[in-house]
Amino acid sequence: MASFSALSDTSTVRELKAMFAVVRTGGKQYRVAAGDKIAVEKLAGEAGDTITLGDVLLAGEGDSLADVASVTVSAEIIAQAKAEKVVVFKKRRRHNYRRKNGHRQQMTLLRITAVGAAEDKPKKAAAKKTKTEAPAEEAAASAE
């Protein structure tokens, strides 16, 4: 399992004219551009899977803003990891009450592969029955 500190090795310098987006996932917002690495709340998927971050709040390129309805953000899952340990310590003075707990939040490490306009995929229509096939099927059904 990859460690949470795997993000510290990134030294990405954003270009001023690169397409960026602000996406919401796991109750938090992230400003991303192509090539960025981010750690988000756990998402379903294996390492190497490609996912689409659907909740795009803002998008733009340089100083201009783009229509968010036509922008998609695709990312590749680098690893499923755990964040640093959080120590939970409760104490009530003069009552001999002390409780110590720990917690490591599940995280997903993402590499943003593309930020840009949504590509229209042609939808395949269901094959329609021709008039010559319909009577043959009815005859076969009535013969049984």
N, C-alpha and C. Protein backbone atom coordinates (compact mmCIF):
# COMPACT_ATOMS: atom_id res chain seq x y z
N MET A 1 0.85 -1.17 0.00
CA MET A 1 0.00 0.00 0.00
C MET A 1 0.89 1.23 0.00
N ALA A 2 0.57 2.21 -0.79
CA ALA A 2 1.38 3.42 -0.89
C ALA A 2 1.16 4.30 0.33
N SER A 3 2.16 5.03 0.69
CA SER A 3 2.04 5.90 1.85
C SER A 3 1.43 7.22 1.43
N PHE A 4 0.89 7.91 2.41
CA PHE A 4 0.25 9.19 2.17
C PHE A 4 1.25 10.25 1.74
N SER A 5 2.51 10.08 2.12
CA SER A 5 3.54 11.07 1.79
C SER A 5 4.01 10.96 0.34
N ALA A 6 3.36 10.11 -0.45
CA ALA A 6 3.75 9.96 -1.86
C ALA A 6 3.47 11.23 -2.66
N LEU A 7 2.64 12.11 -2.12
CA LEU A 7 2.32 13.35 -2.83
C LEU A 7 3.42 14.39 -2.72
N SER A 8 4.28 14.26 -1.73
CA SER A 8 5.29 15.28 -1.50
C SER A 8 6.37 15.31 -2.58
N ASP A 9 6.45 14.26 -3.40
CA ASP A 9 7.48 14.23 -4.43
C ASP A 9 7.09 14.99 -5.70
N THR A 10 5.90 15.57 -5.71
CA THR A 10 5.46 16.29 -6.90
C THR A 10 5.95 17.73 -6.84
N SER A 11 6.53 18.16 -7.90
CA SER A 11 6.95 19.55 -8.01
C SER A 11 6.38 20.08 -9.32
N THR A 12 5.05 20.08 -9.40
CA THR A 12 4.36 20.50 -10.61
C THR A 12 4.27 22.02 -10.66
N VAL A 13 4.71 22.59 -11.75
CA VAL A 13 4.59 24.02 -11.96
C VAL A 13 3.48 24.23 -12.98
N ARG A 14 2.43 24.92 -12.54
CA ARG A 14 1.30 25.13 -13.43
C ARG A 14 1.60 26.25 -14.41
N GLU A 15 1.24 26.01 -15.64
CA GLU A 15 1.36 27.06 -16.64
C GLU A 15 0.17 27.99 -16.50
N LEU A 16 0.34 29.24 -16.84
CA LEU A 16 -0.75 30.20 -16.69
C LEU A 16 -1.88 29.94 -17.67
N LYS A 17 -1.61 29.36 -18.81
CA LYS A 17 -2.63 29.14 -19.82
C LYS A 17 -3.23 27.74 -19.77
N ALA A 18 -2.85 26.93 -18.79
CA ALA A 18 -3.36 25.56 -18.72
C ALA A 18 -4.81 25.57 -18.25
N MET A 19 -5.58 24.61 -18.75
CA MET A 19 -6.98 24.47 -18.35
C MET A 19 -7.02 23.97 -16.91
N PHE A 20 -7.84 24.61 -16.08
CA PHE A 20 -7.98 24.19 -14.69
C PHE A 20 -9.46 24.02 -14.37
N ALA A 21 -9.72 23.33 -13.26
CA ALA A 21 -11.10 23.15 -12.81
C ALA A 21 -11.11 23.07 -11.29
N VAL A 22 -12.23 23.45 -10.71
CA VAL A 22 -12.45 23.27 -9.28
C VAL A 22 -13.51 22.19 -9.16
N VAL A 23 -13.13 21.07 -8.53
CA VAL A 23 -14.04 19.93 -8.40
C VAL A 23 -14.34 19.69 -6.93
N ARG A 24 -15.53 19.11 -6.69
CA ARG A 24 -15.92 18.78 -5.33
C ARG A 24 -16.03 17.27 -5.21
N THR A 25 -15.33 16.70 -4.25
CA THR A 25 -15.43 15.27 -3.97
C THR A 25 -15.12 15.05 -2.49
N GLY A 26 -15.88 14.19 -1.86
CA GLY A 26 -15.67 13.90 -0.45
C GLY A 26 -15.93 15.07 0.46
N GLY A 27 -16.80 16.02 0.04
CA GLY A 27 -17.11 17.17 0.87
C GLY A 27 -16.08 18.27 0.84
N LYS A 28 -15.06 18.13 -0.01
CA LYS A 28 -14.02 19.15 -0.11
C LYS A 28 -13.89 19.60 -1.56
N GLN A 29 -13.26 20.75 -1.76
CA GLN A 29 -13.07 21.29 -3.10
C GLN A 29 -11.58 21.32 -3.42
N TYR A 30 -11.25 21.01 -4.67
CA TYR A 30 -9.85 20.96 -5.10
C TYR A 30 -9.72 21.69 -6.42
N ARG A 31 -8.66 22.51 -6.53
CA ARG A 31 -8.34 23.14 -7.81
C ARG A 31 -7.33 22.24 -8.49
N VAL A 32 -7.69 21.75 -9.68
CA VAL A 32 -6.85 20.77 -10.36
C VAL A 32 -6.57 21.21 -11.79
N ALA A 33 -5.45 20.73 -12.30
CA ALA A 33 -5.07 20.89 -13.70
C ALA A 33 -4.47 19.56 -14.14
N ALA A 34 -4.29 19.39 -15.42
CA ALA A 34 -3.73 18.13 -15.93
C ALA A 34 -2.34 17.93 -15.36
N GLY A 35 -2.08 16.71 -14.85
CA GLY A 35 -0.79 16.38 -14.28
C GLY A 35 -0.70 16.52 -12.78
N ASP A 36 -1.69 17.13 -12.15
CA ASP A 36 -1.67 17.30 -10.69
C ASP A 36 -1.93 15.98 -9.99
N LYS A 37 -1.40 15.86 -8.77
CA LYS A 37 -1.68 14.71 -7.91
C LYS A 37 -2.38 15.22 -6.66
N ILE A 38 -3.49 14.58 -6.30
CA ILE A 38 -4.25 15.00 -5.12
C ILE A 38 -4.63 13.79 -4.30
N ALA A 39 -4.85 14.01 -3.01
CA ALA A 39 -5.34 12.97 -2.11
C ALA A 39 -6.76 13.35 -1.71
N VAL A 40 -7.72 12.47 -1.98
CA VAL A 40 -9.12 12.73 -1.69
C VAL A 40 -9.66 11.65 -0.78
N GLU A 41 -10.88 11.85 -0.28
CA GLU A 41 -11.54 10.82 0.50
C GLU A 41 -11.69 9.57 -0.36
N LYS A 42 -11.79 8.43 0.27
CA LYS A 42 -11.77 7.15 -0.44
C LYS A 42 -12.84 7.08 -1.53
N LEU A 43 -12.39 6.69 -2.72
CA LEU A 43 -13.27 6.46 -3.87
C LEU A 43 -13.17 5.00 -4.27
N ALA A 44 -14.23 4.47 -4.83
CA ALA A 44 -14.23 3.08 -5.26
C ALA A 44 -13.34 2.91 -6.48
N GLY A 45 -12.56 1.83 -6.51
CA GLY A 45 -11.71 1.55 -7.65
C GLY A 45 -10.37 0.99 -7.22
N GLU A 46 -9.71 0.36 -8.18
CA GLU A 46 -8.39 -0.22 -7.96
C GLU A 46 -7.33 0.72 -8.50
N ALA A 47 -6.08 0.49 -8.13
CA ALA A 47 -4.97 1.27 -8.66
C ALA A 47 -4.88 1.04 -10.17
N GLY A 48 -4.78 2.10 -10.92
CA GLY A 48 -4.71 2.01 -12.37
C GLY A 48 -6.03 2.29 -13.06
N ASP A 49 -7.14 2.29 -12.31
CA ASP A 49 -8.45 2.58 -12.90
C ASP A 49 -8.55 4.05 -13.25
N THR A 50 -9.36 4.35 -14.26
CA THR A 50 -9.62 5.73 -14.64
C THR A 50 -11.02 6.10 -14.21
N ILE A 51 -11.16 7.25 -13.55
CA ILE A 51 -12.47 7.69 -13.09
C ILE A 51 -12.72 9.10 -13.60
N THR A 52 -13.97 9.52 -13.54
CA THR A 52 -14.35 10.87 -13.94
C THR A 52 -14.91 11.59 -12.72
N LEU A 53 -14.34 12.73 -12.39
CA LEU A 53 -14.84 13.54 -11.29
C LEU A 53 -15.97 14.40 -11.84
N GLY A 54 -17.18 14.12 -11.40
CA GLY A 54 -18.35 14.71 -12.04
C GLY A 54 -18.78 16.07 -11.54
N ASP A 55 -18.51 16.41 -10.30
CA ASP A 55 -19.03 17.64 -9.73
C ASP A 55 -18.04 18.79 -9.97
N VAL A 56 -18.08 19.36 -11.18
CA VAL A 56 -17.19 20.47 -11.54
C VAL A 56 -17.89 21.77 -11.18
N LEU A 57 -17.27 22.57 -10.32
CA LEU A 57 -17.87 23.82 -9.85
C LEU A 57 -17.45 25.02 -10.68
N LEU A 58 -16.19 25.00 -11.16
CA LEU A 58 -15.65 26.13 -11.90
C LEU A 58 -14.59 25.60 -12.84
N ALA A 59 -14.47 26.20 -14.00
CA ALA A 59 -13.44 25.79 -14.95
C ALA A 59 -13.00 27.01 -15.73
N GLY A 60 -11.76 26.97 -16.17
CA GLY A 60 -11.25 28.08 -16.93
C GLY A 60 -9.90 27.79 -17.52
N GLU A 61 -9.43 28.75 -18.31
CA GLU A 61 -8.13 28.64 -18.94
C GLU A 61 -7.50 30.02 -18.92
N GLY A 62 -6.43 30.17 -18.15
CA GLY A 62 -5.82 31.49 -18.01
C GLY A 62 -6.74 32.40 -17.21
N ASP A 63 -7.15 33.53 -17.81
CA ASP A 63 -8.04 34.47 -17.14
C ASP A 63 -9.50 34.26 -17.49
N SER A 64 -9.79 33.46 -18.50
CA SER A 64 -11.18 33.28 -18.93
C SER A 64 -11.80 32.05 -18.28
N LEU A 65 -13.10 32.11 -18.05
CA LEU A 65 -13.84 31.00 -17.46
C LEU A 65 -14.59 30.25 -18.55
N ALA A 66 -14.78 28.96 -18.34
CA ALA A 66 -15.47 28.11 -19.31
C ALA A 66 -16.80 27.66 -18.73
N ASP A 67 -17.67 27.17 -19.58
CA ASP A 67 -18.96 26.62 -19.17
C ASP A 67 -18.72 25.27 -18.49
N VAL A 68 -19.13 25.14 -17.24
CA VAL A 68 -18.83 23.92 -16.49
C VAL A 68 -19.63 22.72 -16.98
N ALA A 69 -20.74 22.95 -17.68
CA ALA A 69 -21.54 21.83 -18.18
C ALA A 69 -20.79 21.05 -19.25
N SER A 70 -19.87 21.70 -19.93
CA SER A 70 -19.16 21.03 -21.02
C SER A 70 -17.74 20.61 -20.62
N VAL A 71 -17.42 20.67 -19.33
CA VAL A 71 -16.07 20.33 -18.87
C VAL A 71 -16.10 19.04 -18.07
N THR A 72 -15.18 18.14 -18.39
CA THR A 72 -15.02 16.91 -17.61
C THR A 72 -13.60 16.84 -17.06
N VAL A 73 -13.48 16.20 -15.92
CA VAL A 73 -12.17 16.01 -15.29
C VAL A 73 -11.97 14.51 -15.14
N SER A 74 -10.97 13.97 -15.82
CA SER A 74 -10.69 12.54 -15.69
C SER A 74 -9.39 12.36 -14.92
N ALA A 75 -9.38 11.31 -14.09
CA ALA A 75 -8.23 11.06 -13.23
C ALA A 75 -7.94 9.58 -13.18
N GLU A 76 -6.68 9.27 -12.87
CA GLU A 76 -6.25 7.88 -12.72
C GLU A 76 -5.94 7.63 -11.26
N ILE A 77 -6.42 6.51 -10.73
CA ILE A 77 -6.16 6.16 -9.34
C ILE A 77 -4.72 5.65 -9.24
N ILE A 78 -3.91 6.34 -8.44
CA ILE A 78 -2.53 5.90 -8.21
C ILE A 78 -2.51 4.79 -7.18
N ALA A 79 -3.19 5.03 -6.05
CA ALA A 79 -3.19 4.04 -4.97
C ALA A 79 -4.32 4.33 -3.99
N GLN A 80 -4.69 3.30 -3.26
CA GLN A 80 -5.59 3.44 -2.12
C GLN A 80 -4.69 3.42 -0.89
N ALA A 81 -4.74 4.45 -0.07
CA ALA A 81 -3.81 4.56 1.05
C ALA A 81 -4.54 5.03 2.29
N LYS A 82 -3.78 5.15 3.38
CA LYS A 82 -4.31 5.70 4.62
C LYS A 82 -3.57 6.99 4.94
N ALA A 83 -4.29 7.94 5.52
CA ALA A 83 -3.69 9.22 5.90
C ALA A 83 -2.89 9.03 7.19
N GLU A 84 -2.25 10.10 7.63
CA GLU A 84 -1.49 10.05 8.88
C GLU A 84 -2.43 9.78 10.04
N LYS A 85 -1.89 9.20 11.10
CA LYS A 85 -2.69 8.83 12.26
C LYS A 85 -3.11 10.07 13.04
N VAL A 86 -4.38 10.09 13.43
CA VAL A 86 -4.92 11.14 14.27
C VAL A 86 -5.16 10.53 15.64
N VAL A 87 -4.57 11.13 16.69
CA VAL A 87 -4.74 10.64 18.05
C VAL A 87 -5.90 11.38 18.70
N VAL A 88 -6.85 10.61 19.24
CA VAL A 88 -8.00 11.18 19.94
C VAL A 88 -7.79 10.89 21.42
N PHE A 89 -7.62 11.93 22.23
CA PHE A 89 -7.37 11.76 23.66
C PHE A 89 -8.43 12.53 24.43
N LYS A 90 -9.15 11.82 25.29
CA LYS A 90 -10.18 12.43 26.12
C LYS A 90 -9.76 12.34 27.58
N LYS A 91 -9.96 13.43 28.33
CA LYS A 91 -9.61 13.42 29.74
C LYS A 91 -10.56 14.33 30.50
N ARG A 92 -10.99 13.85 31.66
CA ARG A 92 -11.74 14.69 32.58
C ARG A 92 -10.94 14.75 33.87
N ARG A 93 -10.48 15.92 34.20
CA ARG A 93 -9.59 16.04 35.34
C ARG A 93 -10.31 15.75 36.66
N ARG A 94 -9.55 15.19 37.55
CA ARG A 94 -10.00 14.83 38.90
C ARG A 94 -11.08 13.75 38.91
N HIS A 95 -11.25 13.00 37.80
CA HIS A 95 -12.23 11.92 37.78
C HIS A 95 -11.59 10.60 37.33
N ASN A 96 -10.28 10.56 37.19
CA ASN A 96 -9.56 9.37 36.75
C ASN A 96 -10.14 8.83 35.44
N TYR A 97 -10.41 9.74 34.51
CA TYR A 97 -11.01 9.37 33.21
C TYR A 97 -10.03 9.75 32.11
N ARG A 98 -9.48 8.75 31.45
CA ARG A 98 -8.58 8.99 30.32
C ARG A 98 -8.89 7.94 29.25
N ARG A 99 -9.07 8.37 28.02
CA ARG A 99 -9.31 7.47 26.91
C ARG A 99 -8.43 7.91 25.74
N LYS A 100 -7.71 6.96 25.17
CA LYS A 100 -6.85 7.28 24.04
C LYS A 100 -7.24 6.39 22.87
N ASN A 101 -7.50 6.99 21.74
CA ASN A 101 -7.87 6.27 20.53
C ASN A 101 -7.07 6.82 19.36
N GLY A 102 -6.97 6.04 18.32
CA GLY A 102 -6.30 6.49 17.11
C GLY A 102 -7.18 6.20 15.90
N HIS A 103 -6.92 6.92 14.82
CA HIS A 103 -7.72 6.75 13.61
C HIS A 103 -6.87 7.11 12.40
N ARG A 104 -6.95 6.28 11.35
CA ARG A 104 -6.29 6.60 10.08
C ARG A 104 -7.35 6.60 9.00
N GLN A 105 -7.57 7.74 8.38
CA GLN A 105 -8.62 7.90 7.37
C GLN A 105 -8.19 7.26 6.05
N GLN A 106 -9.12 6.57 5.40
CA GLN A 106 -8.86 5.98 4.09
C GLN A 106 -8.82 7.09 3.04
N MET A 107 -7.78 7.08 2.19
CA MET A 107 -7.62 8.10 1.16
C MET A 107 -7.39 7.43 -0.19
N THR A 108 -7.67 8.16 -1.24
CA THR A 108 -7.38 7.72 -2.60
C THR A 108 -6.44 8.74 -3.22
N LEU A 109 -5.32 8.28 -3.76
CA LEU A 109 -4.38 9.16 -4.42
C LEU A 109 -4.71 9.19 -5.91
N LEU A 110 -4.93 10.40 -6.45
CA LEU A 110 -5.34 10.56 -7.84
C LEU A 110 -4.31 11.36 -8.62
N ARG A 111 -4.14 11.01 -9.89
CA ARG A 111 -3.37 11.82 -10.83
C ARG A 111 -4.36 12.32 -11.88
N ILE A 112 -4.48 13.62 -12.00
CA ILE A 112 -5.41 14.21 -12.96
C ILE A 112 -4.81 14.03 -14.35
N THR A 113 -5.53 13.32 -15.22
CA THR A 113 -5.00 13.06 -16.56
C THR A 113 -5.47 14.09 -17.57
N ALA A 114 -6.71 14.56 -17.44
CA ALA A 114 -7.21 15.52 -18.43
C ALA A 114 -8.28 16.41 -17.82
N VAL A 115 -8.21 17.68 -18.18
CA VAL A 115 -9.26 18.64 -17.84
C VAL A 115 -9.63 19.31 -19.14
N GLY A 116 -10.87 19.15 -19.55
CA GLY A 116 -11.24 19.76 -20.82
C GLY A 116 -12.68 19.52 -21.19
N ALA A 117 -12.99 19.87 -22.41
CA ALA A 117 -14.36 19.76 -22.90
C ALA A 117 -14.77 18.30 -23.00
N ALA A 118 -16.03 18.05 -22.70
CA ALA A 118 -16.56 16.69 -22.77
C ALA A 118 -16.67 16.28 -24.23
N GLU A 119 -16.24 15.07 -24.51
CA GLU A 119 -16.34 14.57 -25.87
C GLU A 119 -17.67 13.86 -26.04
N ASP A 120 -18.38 14.20 -27.10
CA ASP A 120 -19.66 13.56 -27.36
C ASP A 120 -19.42 12.19 -27.93
N LYS A 121 -19.88 11.17 -27.21
CA LYS A 121 -19.73 9.80 -27.67
C LYS A 121 -20.99 9.41 -28.43
N PRO A 122 -20.86 8.85 -29.62
CA PRO A 122 -22.06 8.45 -30.35
C PRO A 122 -22.74 7.30 -29.65
N LYS A 123 -24.05 7.45 -29.46
CA LYS A 123 -24.82 6.40 -28.80
C LYS A 123 -25.27 5.39 -29.84
N LYS A 124 -25.14 4.13 -29.50
CA LYS A 124 -25.56 3.08 -30.42
C LYS A 124 -27.03 2.79 -30.20
N ALA A 125 -27.81 2.86 -31.24
CA ALA A 125 -29.23 2.58 -31.16
C ALA A 125 -29.44 1.07 -31.20
N ALA A 126 -30.50 0.63 -30.56
CA ALA A 126 -30.83 -0.79 -30.57
C ALA A 126 -31.24 -1.20 -31.98
N ALA A 127 -30.87 -2.43 -32.35
CA ALA A 127 -31.20 -2.91 -33.69
C ALA A 127 -32.71 -3.05 -33.82
N LYS A 128 -33.25 -2.45 -34.86
CA LYS A 128 -34.70 -2.51 -35.07
C LYS A 128 -35.05 -3.75 -35.90
N LYS A 129 -36.21 -4.29 -35.59
CA LYS A 129 -36.67 -5.46 -36.34
C LYS A 129 -37.23 -5.01 -37.68
N THR A 130 -36.88 -5.74 -38.70
CA THR A 130 -37.43 -5.42 -40.02
C THR A 130 -38.77 -6.11 -40.17
N LYS A 131 -39.52 -5.70 -41.16
CA LYS A 131 -40.86 -6.26 -41.36
C LYS A 131 -40.80 -7.73 -41.75
N THR A 132 -39.73 -8.16 -42.39
CA THR A 132 -39.64 -9.55 -42.81
C THR A 132 -39.35 -10.48 -41.65
N GLU A 133 -38.66 -9.96 -40.59
CA GLU A 133 -38.34 -10.79 -39.43
C GLU A 133 -39.53 -10.93 -38.49
N ALA A 134 -40.37 -9.91 -38.38
CA ALA A 134 -41.49 -9.92 -37.42
C ALA A 134 -42.48 -11.06 -37.71
N PRO A 135 -42.99 -11.29 -38.93
CA PRO A 135 -43.94 -12.37 -39.14
C PRO A 135 -43.30 -13.75 -38.91
N ALA A 136 -42.03 -13.89 -39.18
CA ALA A 136 -41.38 -15.18 -38.98
C ALA A 136 -41.31 -15.52 -37.49
N GLU A 137 -41.07 -14.53 -36.65
CA GLU A 137 -41.02 -14.75 -35.22
C GLU A 137 -42.40 -15.09 -34.66
N GLU A 138 -43.43 -14.42 -35.16
CA GLU A 138 -44.79 -14.69 -34.69
C GLU A 138 -45.21 -16.12 -35.08
N ALA A 139 -44.83 -16.55 -36.29
CA ALA A 139 -45.18 -17.89 -36.74
C ALA A 139 -44.47 -18.93 -35.91
N ALA A 140 -43.23 -18.68 -35.55
CA ALA A 140 -42.46 -19.63 -34.73
C ALA A 140 -43.04 -19.70 -33.32
N ALA A 141 -43.51 -18.58 -32.79
CA ALA A 141 -44.08 -18.54 -31.45
C ALA A 141 -45.42 -19.27 -31.43
N SER A 142 -46.23 -19.13 -32.47
CA SER A 142 -47.57 -19.77 -32.52
C SER A 142 -47.43 -21.27 -32.79
N ALA A 143 -46.34 -21.71 -33.43
CA ALA A 143 -46.15 -23.13 -33.72
C ALA A 143 -45.81 -23.91 -32.45
N GLU A 144 -45.28 -23.25 -31.47
CA GLU A 144 -44.90 -23.94 -30.24
C GLU A 144 -46.08 -24.18 -29.42
